């Protein structure tokens, strides 16, 4: 894996979204000049900014920081998001999910 700078990743992601620095900066809650400094690797974004960019671009923070070449968020994070909203589902939906899990486990254990 070739190490790529945070600034290069930010620029790459912004351009993939076809956004100007001004528009992208607004989406992530920073000034255009701050974004310019990040893209040119003159400054490092703080954690909140990294998280905002990650969320807006739907990539992992590890991808943004150059720790991986895989930009995709794992299915685990999707599962976590689903279970974070578990309190919002109806009793009927909970019963259905429990039944599906019971069937899945039975099939899995019979293999």
N, C-alpha and C. Protein backbone atom coordinates (compact mmCIF):
# COMPACT_ATOMS: atom_id res chain seq x y z
N UNK A 1 0.84 -1.18 0.00
CA UNK A 1 0.00 0.00 0.00
C UNK A 1 0.89 1.24 0.00
N UNK A 2 0.58 2.14 -0.89
CA UNK A 2 1.31 3.40 -0.96
C UNK A 2 0.66 4.38 0.01
N UNK A 3 1.49 5.01 0.86
CA UNK A 3 0.94 5.98 1.80
C UNK A 3 0.52 7.23 1.03
N UNK A 4 -0.70 7.61 1.23
CA UNK A 4 -1.23 8.81 0.59
C UNK A 4 -1.57 9.80 1.69
N UNK A 5 -1.35 11.07 1.43
CA UNK A 5 -1.57 12.07 2.48
C UNK A 5 -3.06 12.30 2.70
N UNK A 6 -3.38 12.78 3.89
CA UNK A 6 -4.76 13.12 4.23
C UNK A 6 -5.27 14.17 3.25
N UNK A 7 -4.44 15.15 2.95
CA UNK A 7 -4.85 16.21 2.03
C UNK A 7 -5.20 15.68 0.65
N UNK A 8 -4.41 14.72 0.17
CA UNK A 8 -4.68 14.12 -1.14
C UNK A 8 -6.00 13.36 -1.12
N UNK A 9 -6.26 12.65 -0.03
CA UNK A 9 -7.51 11.90 0.08
C UNK A 9 -8.70 12.86 0.11
N UNK A 10 -8.58 13.94 0.87
CA UNK A 10 -9.67 14.91 0.95
C UNK A 10 -9.95 15.49 -0.43
N UNK A 11 -8.89 15.88 -1.13
CA UNK A 11 -9.05 16.45 -2.47
C UNK A 11 -9.71 15.44 -3.40
N UNK A 12 -9.24 14.20 -3.36
CA UNK A 12 -9.78 13.13 -4.20
C UNK A 12 -11.28 12.95 -3.95
N UNK A 13 -11.66 12.88 -2.67
CA UNK A 13 -13.06 12.67 -2.33
C UNK A 13 -13.93 13.85 -2.73
N UNK A 14 -13.44 15.05 -2.51
CA UNK A 14 -14.20 16.26 -2.88
C UNK A 14 -14.44 16.28 -4.39
N UNK A 15 -13.39 15.98 -5.15
CA UNK A 15 -13.52 16.00 -6.61
C UNK A 15 -14.45 14.90 -7.12
N UNK A 16 -14.43 13.73 -6.46
CA UNK A 16 -15.35 12.66 -6.84
C UNK A 16 -16.80 13.09 -6.66
N UNK A 17 -17.02 13.96 -5.68
CA UNK A 17 -18.38 14.46 -5.41
C UNK A 17 -18.71 15.68 -6.29
N UNK A 18 -17.75 16.08 -7.14
CA UNK A 18 -17.93 17.24 -8.02
C UNK A 18 -18.32 18.50 -7.24
N UNK A 19 -17.62 18.73 -6.13
CA UNK A 19 -17.90 19.91 -5.30
C UNK A 19 -16.72 20.87 -5.33
N UNK A 20 -17.03 22.14 -5.26
CA UNK A 20 -15.99 23.15 -5.11
C UNK A 20 -15.50 23.10 -3.67
N UNK A 21 -14.36 23.72 -3.41
CA UNK A 21 -13.89 23.80 -2.03
C UNK A 21 -14.93 24.49 -1.15
N UNK A 22 -15.54 25.54 -1.66
CA UNK A 22 -16.54 26.29 -0.90
C UNK A 22 -17.72 25.40 -0.51
N UNK A 23 -18.26 24.66 -1.48
CA UNK A 23 -19.42 23.80 -1.22
C UNK A 23 -19.07 22.65 -0.28
N UNK A 24 -17.91 22.04 -0.50
CA UNK A 24 -17.49 20.93 0.35
C UNK A 24 -17.25 21.41 1.78
N UNK A 25 -16.61 22.56 1.91
CA UNK A 25 -16.33 23.11 3.24
C UNK A 25 -17.63 23.35 4.00
N UNK A 26 -18.65 23.86 3.32
CA UNK A 26 -19.95 24.08 3.97
C UNK A 26 -20.54 22.76 4.45
N UNK A 27 -20.45 21.72 3.61
CA UNK A 27 -21.00 20.41 3.97
C UNK A 27 -20.35 19.83 5.22
N UNK A 28 -19.05 20.08 5.39
CA UNK A 28 -18.35 19.49 6.53
C UNK A 28 -18.19 20.47 7.69
N UNK A 29 -18.71 21.68 7.53
CA UNK A 29 -18.75 22.63 8.64
C UNK A 29 -17.45 23.36 8.94
N UNK A 30 -16.67 23.64 7.90
CA UNK A 30 -15.43 24.40 8.09
C UNK A 30 -15.36 25.51 7.05
N UNK A 31 -14.37 26.37 7.17
CA UNK A 31 -14.19 27.43 6.18
C UNK A 31 -13.48 26.89 4.94
N UNK A 32 -13.64 27.59 3.82
CA UNK A 32 -12.96 27.20 2.59
C UNK A 32 -11.44 27.29 2.77
N UNK A 33 -10.99 28.31 3.50
CA UNK A 33 -9.54 28.45 3.69
C UNK A 33 -8.97 27.29 4.52
N UNK A 34 -9.72 26.83 5.53
CA UNK A 34 -9.26 25.68 6.32
C UNK A 34 -9.16 24.45 5.42
N UNK A 35 -10.18 24.24 4.59
CA UNK A 35 -10.16 23.11 3.67
C UNK A 35 -8.96 23.18 2.74
N UNK A 36 -8.68 24.37 2.24
CA UNK A 36 -7.53 24.55 1.36
C UNK A 36 -6.23 24.16 2.06
N UNK A 37 -6.09 24.55 3.33
CA UNK A 37 -4.89 24.17 4.10
C UNK A 37 -4.81 22.65 4.27
N UNK A 38 -5.95 22.00 4.51
CA UNK A 38 -5.95 20.54 4.66
C UNK A 38 -5.56 19.87 3.35
N UNK A 39 -6.15 20.34 2.25
CA UNK A 39 -5.88 19.71 0.95
C UNK A 39 -4.42 19.87 0.54
N UNK A 40 -3.79 20.94 0.95
CA UNK A 40 -2.39 21.19 0.60
C UNK A 40 -1.43 20.65 1.67
N UNK A 41 -1.98 19.94 2.64
CA UNK A 41 -1.20 19.35 3.74
C UNK A 41 -0.42 20.39 4.54
N UNK A 42 -0.97 21.58 4.62
CA UNK A 42 -0.36 22.61 5.46
C UNK A 42 -0.81 22.50 6.91
N UNK A 43 -2.01 21.92 7.08
CA UNK A 43 -2.56 21.69 8.42
C UNK A 43 -3.22 20.33 8.45
N UNK A 44 -3.31 19.77 9.64
CA UNK A 44 -3.99 18.49 9.83
C UNK A 44 -5.39 18.75 10.39
N UNK A 45 -6.42 18.14 9.82
CA UNK A 45 -7.77 18.31 10.37
C UNK A 45 -7.89 17.65 11.74
N UNK A 46 -8.71 18.24 12.60
CA UNK A 46 -8.95 17.64 13.91
C UNK A 46 -9.89 16.44 13.76
N UNK A 47 -10.09 15.73 14.87
CA UNK A 47 -10.88 14.50 14.82
C UNK A 47 -12.30 14.76 14.34
N UNK A 48 -12.92 15.82 14.83
CA UNK A 48 -14.30 16.11 14.44
C UNK A 48 -14.40 16.35 12.93
N UNK A 49 -13.45 17.06 12.38
CA UNK A 49 -13.45 17.33 10.94
C UNK A 49 -13.23 16.04 10.16
N UNK A 50 -12.31 15.20 10.62
CA UNK A 50 -12.08 13.89 9.98
C UNK A 50 -13.38 13.10 9.98
N UNK A 51 -14.05 13.07 11.12
CA UNK A 51 -15.31 12.33 11.24
C UNK A 51 -16.37 12.91 10.31
N UNK A 52 -16.47 14.24 10.23
CA UNK A 52 -17.45 14.87 9.35
C UNK A 52 -17.18 14.54 7.88
N UNK A 53 -15.92 14.60 7.48
CA UNK A 53 -15.56 14.27 6.10
C UNK A 53 -15.90 12.81 5.82
N UNK A 54 -15.56 11.94 6.75
CA UNK A 54 -15.85 10.52 6.62
C UNK A 54 -17.34 10.28 6.42
N UNK A 55 -18.16 10.95 7.22
CA UNK A 55 -19.61 10.77 7.12
C UNK A 55 -20.16 11.34 5.82
N UNK A 56 -19.73 12.53 5.45
CA UNK A 56 -20.23 13.17 4.22
C UNK A 56 -19.84 12.35 2.99
N UNK A 57 -18.63 11.81 2.99
CA UNK A 57 -18.12 11.06 1.83
C UNK A 57 -18.42 9.57 1.92
N UNK A 58 -18.98 9.13 3.05
CA UNK A 58 -19.32 7.72 3.28
C UNK A 58 -18.11 6.81 3.11
N UNK A 59 -17.02 7.20 3.75
CA UNK A 59 -15.80 6.39 3.78
C UNK A 59 -15.36 6.23 5.23
N UNK A 60 -14.47 5.29 5.47
CA UNK A 60 -13.95 5.10 6.82
C UNK A 60 -12.92 6.18 7.13
N UNK A 61 -12.74 6.43 8.42
CA UNK A 61 -11.70 7.37 8.82
C UNK A 61 -10.33 6.79 8.50
N UNK A 62 -10.17 5.47 8.57
CA UNK A 62 -8.90 4.84 8.21
C UNK A 62 -8.54 5.11 6.76
N UNK A 63 -9.52 5.06 5.88
CA UNK A 63 -9.27 5.38 4.47
C UNK A 63 -8.84 6.83 4.33
N UNK A 64 -9.55 7.70 4.99
CA UNK A 64 -9.25 9.13 4.92
C UNK A 64 -7.84 9.42 5.43
N UNK A 65 -7.43 8.71 6.47
CA UNK A 65 -6.11 8.92 7.07
C UNK A 65 -5.00 8.17 6.33
N UNK A 66 -5.36 7.42 5.29
CA UNK A 66 -4.36 6.71 4.50
C UNK A 66 -3.90 5.40 5.11
N UNK A 67 -4.65 4.88 6.08
CA UNK A 67 -4.27 3.62 6.73
C UNK A 67 -4.73 2.40 5.95
N UNK A 68 -5.66 2.61 5.03
CA UNK A 68 -6.16 1.52 4.19
C UNK A 68 -6.52 2.09 2.83
N UNK A 69 -6.54 1.21 1.84
CA UNK A 69 -6.97 1.62 0.51
C UNK A 69 -8.43 1.28 0.27
N UNK A 70 -9.08 0.68 1.25
CA UNK A 70 -10.49 0.31 1.13
C UNK A 70 -11.35 1.41 1.74
N UNK A 71 -12.08 2.16 0.91
CA UNK A 71 -12.89 3.26 1.44
C UNK A 71 -14.20 2.83 2.07
N UNK A 72 -14.61 1.59 1.83
CA UNK A 72 -15.94 1.14 2.25
C UNK A 72 -16.04 0.93 3.74
N UNK A 73 -17.14 1.43 4.27
CA UNK A 73 -17.44 1.15 5.67
C UNK A 73 -17.87 -0.30 5.76
N UNK A 74 -17.48 -0.96 6.82
CA UNK A 74 -17.78 -2.39 6.94
C UNK A 74 -19.25 -2.62 7.22
N UNK A 75 -19.69 -3.83 6.92
CA UNK A 75 -21.07 -4.18 7.22
C UNK A 75 -21.32 -4.14 8.72
N UNK A 76 -20.25 -4.27 9.50
CA UNK A 76 -20.39 -4.19 10.95
C UNK A 76 -20.92 -2.82 11.35
N UNK A 77 -20.42 -1.76 10.74
CA UNK A 77 -20.90 -0.43 11.10
C UNK A 77 -22.35 -0.26 10.69
N UNK A 78 -22.76 -0.87 9.57
CA UNK A 78 -24.17 -0.83 9.17
C UNK A 78 -25.02 -1.58 10.18
N UNK A 79 -24.53 -2.71 10.64
CA UNK A 79 -25.25 -3.47 11.65
C UNK A 79 -25.37 -2.67 12.94
N UNK A 80 -24.28 -2.03 13.34
CA UNK A 80 -24.33 -1.21 14.56
C UNK A 80 -25.34 -0.09 14.43
N UNK A 81 -25.40 0.55 13.27
CA UNK A 81 -26.39 1.62 13.07
C UNK A 81 -27.80 1.05 13.18
N UNK A 82 -28.02 -0.13 12.62
CA UNK A 82 -29.35 -0.74 12.69
C UNK A 82 -29.74 -1.03 14.13
N UNK A 83 -28.81 -1.55 14.91
CA UNK A 83 -29.13 -1.88 16.29
C UNK A 83 -29.22 -0.65 17.18
N UNK A 84 -28.60 0.45 16.78
CA UNK A 84 -28.76 1.68 17.54
C UNK A 84 -30.19 2.18 17.48
N UNK A 85 -30.92 1.80 16.43
CA UNK A 85 -32.32 2.20 16.28
C UNK A 85 -33.27 1.09 16.70
N UNK A 86 -32.79 0.08 17.39
CA UNK A 86 -33.59 -1.07 17.77
C UNK A 86 -34.77 -0.67 18.65
N UNK A 87 -34.60 0.35 19.47
CA UNK A 87 -35.69 0.79 20.35
C UNK A 87 -36.86 1.38 19.56
N UNK A 88 -36.62 1.76 18.32
CA UNK A 88 -37.66 2.40 17.51
C UNK A 88 -38.55 1.41 16.77
N UNK A 89 -38.20 0.12 16.79
CA UNK A 89 -39.02 -0.83 16.03
C UNK A 89 -40.18 -1.33 16.89
N UNK A 90 -41.21 -1.78 16.20
CA UNK A 90 -42.42 -2.24 16.88
C UNK A 90 -42.21 -3.63 17.48
N UNK A 91 -43.12 -4.03 18.36
CA UNK A 91 -43.06 -5.37 18.94
C UNK A 91 -43.21 -6.43 17.85
N UNK A 92 -44.06 -6.16 16.88
CA UNK A 92 -44.26 -7.10 15.78
C UNK A 92 -42.96 -7.27 14.99
N UNK A 93 -42.24 -6.18 14.75
CA UNK A 93 -40.97 -6.26 14.03
C UNK A 93 -39.93 -7.02 14.85
N UNK A 94 -39.91 -6.80 16.16
CA UNK A 94 -38.98 -7.52 17.03
C UNK A 94 -39.27 -9.02 16.99
N UNK A 95 -40.56 -9.38 17.05
CA UNK A 95 -40.94 -10.79 16.99
C UNK A 95 -40.48 -11.42 15.68
N UNK A 96 -40.67 -10.69 14.59
CA UNK A 96 -40.26 -11.18 13.27
C UNK A 96 -38.75 -11.41 13.23
N UNK A 97 -37.99 -10.44 13.72
CA UNK A 97 -36.53 -10.55 13.71
C UNK A 97 -36.06 -11.71 14.59
N UNK A 98 -36.68 -11.88 15.73
CA UNK A 98 -36.32 -13.00 16.61
C UNK A 98 -36.59 -14.33 15.92
N UNK A 99 -37.71 -14.43 15.21
CA UNK A 99 -38.04 -15.66 14.49
C UNK A 99 -37.04 -15.92 13.37
N UNK A 100 -36.65 -14.89 12.64
CA UNK A 100 -35.67 -15.04 11.58
C UNK A 100 -34.32 -15.49 12.14
N UNK A 101 -33.94 -14.95 13.28
CA UNK A 101 -32.69 -15.34 13.92
C UNK A 101 -32.76 -16.79 14.37
N UNK A 102 -33.89 -17.20 14.92
CA UNK A 102 -34.06 -18.59 15.35
C UNK A 102 -33.92 -19.53 14.15
N UNK A 103 -34.54 -19.19 13.03
CA UNK A 103 -34.46 -20.02 11.82
C UNK A 103 -33.02 -20.06 11.32
N UNK A 104 -32.37 -18.93 11.28
CA UNK A 104 -30.98 -18.87 10.82
C UNK A 104 -30.09 -19.77 11.67
N UNK A 105 -30.22 -19.67 12.98
CA UNK A 105 -29.38 -20.48 13.87
C UNK A 105 -29.65 -21.96 13.69
N UNK A 106 -30.92 -22.32 13.50
CA UNK A 106 -31.26 -23.72 13.30
C UNK A 106 -30.63 -24.24 12.01
N UNK A 107 -30.73 -23.48 10.94
CA UNK A 107 -30.13 -23.89 9.67
C UNK A 107 -28.61 -23.97 9.78
N UNK A 108 -28.02 -23.00 10.44
CA UNK A 108 -26.56 -22.97 10.60
C UNK A 108 -26.08 -24.18 11.40
N UNK A 109 -26.79 -24.52 12.46
CA UNK A 109 -26.37 -25.62 13.33
C UNK A 109 -26.59 -26.99 12.70
N UNK A 110 -27.47 -27.08 11.72
CA UNK A 110 -27.75 -28.35 11.05
C UNK A 110 -26.80 -28.64 9.91
N UNK A 111 -25.91 -27.74 9.59
CA UNK A 111 -24.97 -27.96 8.48
C UNK A 111 -23.83 -28.84 8.89
